[in-house]
Amino acid sequence: GTEGLVRGRRVLNTGAPITVPVGRATLGRIMNVLGEPIDERGEIKTDHYLPIHRDAPALVDLATGQEILATGIKVVDLL
């Protein structure tokens, strides 16, 4: 984390990008901008991490299915 980071403090550049956990283990979880869980449900158990700065997937690689997503909010579901 960045706790204790203040102006003038010595730091070490690891050369590694900031990464966050991804995949099924992150569904329903709340994380800060560094990918650390802040929902008091413990650590996120995954081996799959991706950098926060990377190219977007190609348009042909994205799912384009047409399915109804019911939110349970009547005003939204009627749109």
Protein backbone atom coordinates (compact mmCIF):
# COMPACT_ATOMS: atom_id res chain seq x y z
CA GLY A 1 0.00 0.00 0.00
CA THR A 2 0.92 3.64 0.25
CA GLU A 3 0.73 3.98 4.04
CA GLY A 4 3.61 6.11 5.30
CA LEU A 5 4.45 7.45 1.84
CA VAL A 6 5.35 11.12 2.19
CA ARG A 7 7.35 13.68 0.22
CA GLY A 8 11.08 13.09 0.49
CA ARG A 9 10.81 9.44 1.52
CA ARG A 10 13.10 6.99 -0.26
CA VAL A 11 11.31 4.49 -2.46
CA LEU A 12 12.34 1.50 -4.54
CA ASN A 13 11.27 1.19 -8.17
CA THR A 14 10.54 -2.50 -8.77
CA GLY A 15 9.87 -1.90 -12.45
CA ALA A 16 6.68 -3.95 -12.15
CA PRO A 17 3.32 -2.43 -13.13
CA ILE A 18 0.46 -2.08 -10.65
CA THR A 19 -1.70 -5.18 -10.99
CA VAL A 20 -5.13 -6.09 -9.66
CA PRO A 21 -6.77 -9.48 -9.14
CA VAL A 22 -9.22 -10.59 -11.85
CA GLY A 23 -11.54 -13.52 -12.43
CA ARG A 24 -14.36 -15.26 -10.60
CA ALA A 25 -12.80 -14.65 -7.17
CA THR A 26 -13.34 -10.90 -7.62
CA LEU A 27 -17.07 -11.09 -8.42
CA GLY A 28 -19.08 -9.37 -5.70
CA ARG A 29 -15.97 -8.05 -3.96
CA ILE A 30 -15.11 -4.41 -3.19
CA MET A 31 -11.52 -3.32 -3.83
CA ASN A 32 -9.59 -0.08 -3.61
CA VAL A 33 -7.68 1.33 -6.61
CA LEU A 34 -4.75 -0.98 -5.87
CA GLY A 35 -6.90 -4.12 -5.99
CA GLU A 36 -6.80 -4.64 -2.23
CA PRO A 37 -10.08 -5.90 -0.71
CA ILE A 38 -11.88 -3.38 1.50
CA ASP A 39 -15.10 -5.31 2.10
CA GLU A 40 -13.90 -7.11 5.27
CA ARG A 41 -14.34 -10.54 3.60
CA GLY A 42 -10.67 -11.45 3.70
CA GLU A 43 -8.12 -11.76 0.94
CA ILE A 44 -9.07 -12.41 -2.66
CA LYS A 45 -7.85 -15.92 -3.43
CA THR A 46 -6.70 -15.92 -7.05
CA ASP A 47 -3.54 -16.50 -9.02
CA HIS A 48 -4.68 -14.34 -11.94
CA TYR A 49 -3.64 -10.67 -11.93
CA LEU A 50 -3.60 -8.11 -14.75
CA PRO A 51 -1.92 -4.69 -14.98
CA ILE A 52 -4.18 -1.66 -14.58
CA HIS A 53 -2.73 -0.06 -17.72
CA ARG A 54 -3.11 -2.26 -20.78
CA ASP A 55 -4.67 -2.22 -24.23
CA ALA A 56 -8.40 -2.79 -24.53
CA PRO A 57 -9.47 -6.13 -26.01
CA ALA A 58 -10.19 -6.21 -29.74
CA LEU A 59 -13.82 -5.64 -30.64
CA VAL A 60 -14.08 -9.10 -32.21
CA ASP A 61 -13.00 -10.67 -28.89
CA LEU A 62 -15.89 -9.13 -26.93
CA ALA A 63 -19.15 -10.98 -26.29
CA THR A 64 -22.02 -9.41 -28.22
CA GLY A 65 -24.95 -11.54 -27.07
CA GLN A 66 -28.40 -10.02 -26.81
CA GLU A 67 -29.85 -11.06 -23.49
CA ILE A 68 -32.24 -9.40 -21.11
CA LEU A 69 -30.57 -8.39 -17.87
CA ALA A 70 -33.21 -8.11 -15.17
CA THR A 71 -32.10 -5.73 -12.42
CA GLY A 72 -35.17 -6.01 -10.22
CA ILE A 73 -35.71 -2.25 -10.57
CA LYS A 74 -39.01 -1.83 -12.44
CA VAL A 75 -38.17 1.55 -13.98
CA VAL A 76 -34.87 0.23 -15.35
CA ASP A 77 -36.24 -3.16 -16.46
CA LEU A 78 -38.96 -1.47 -18.57
CA LEU A 79 -36.39 0.37 -20.71
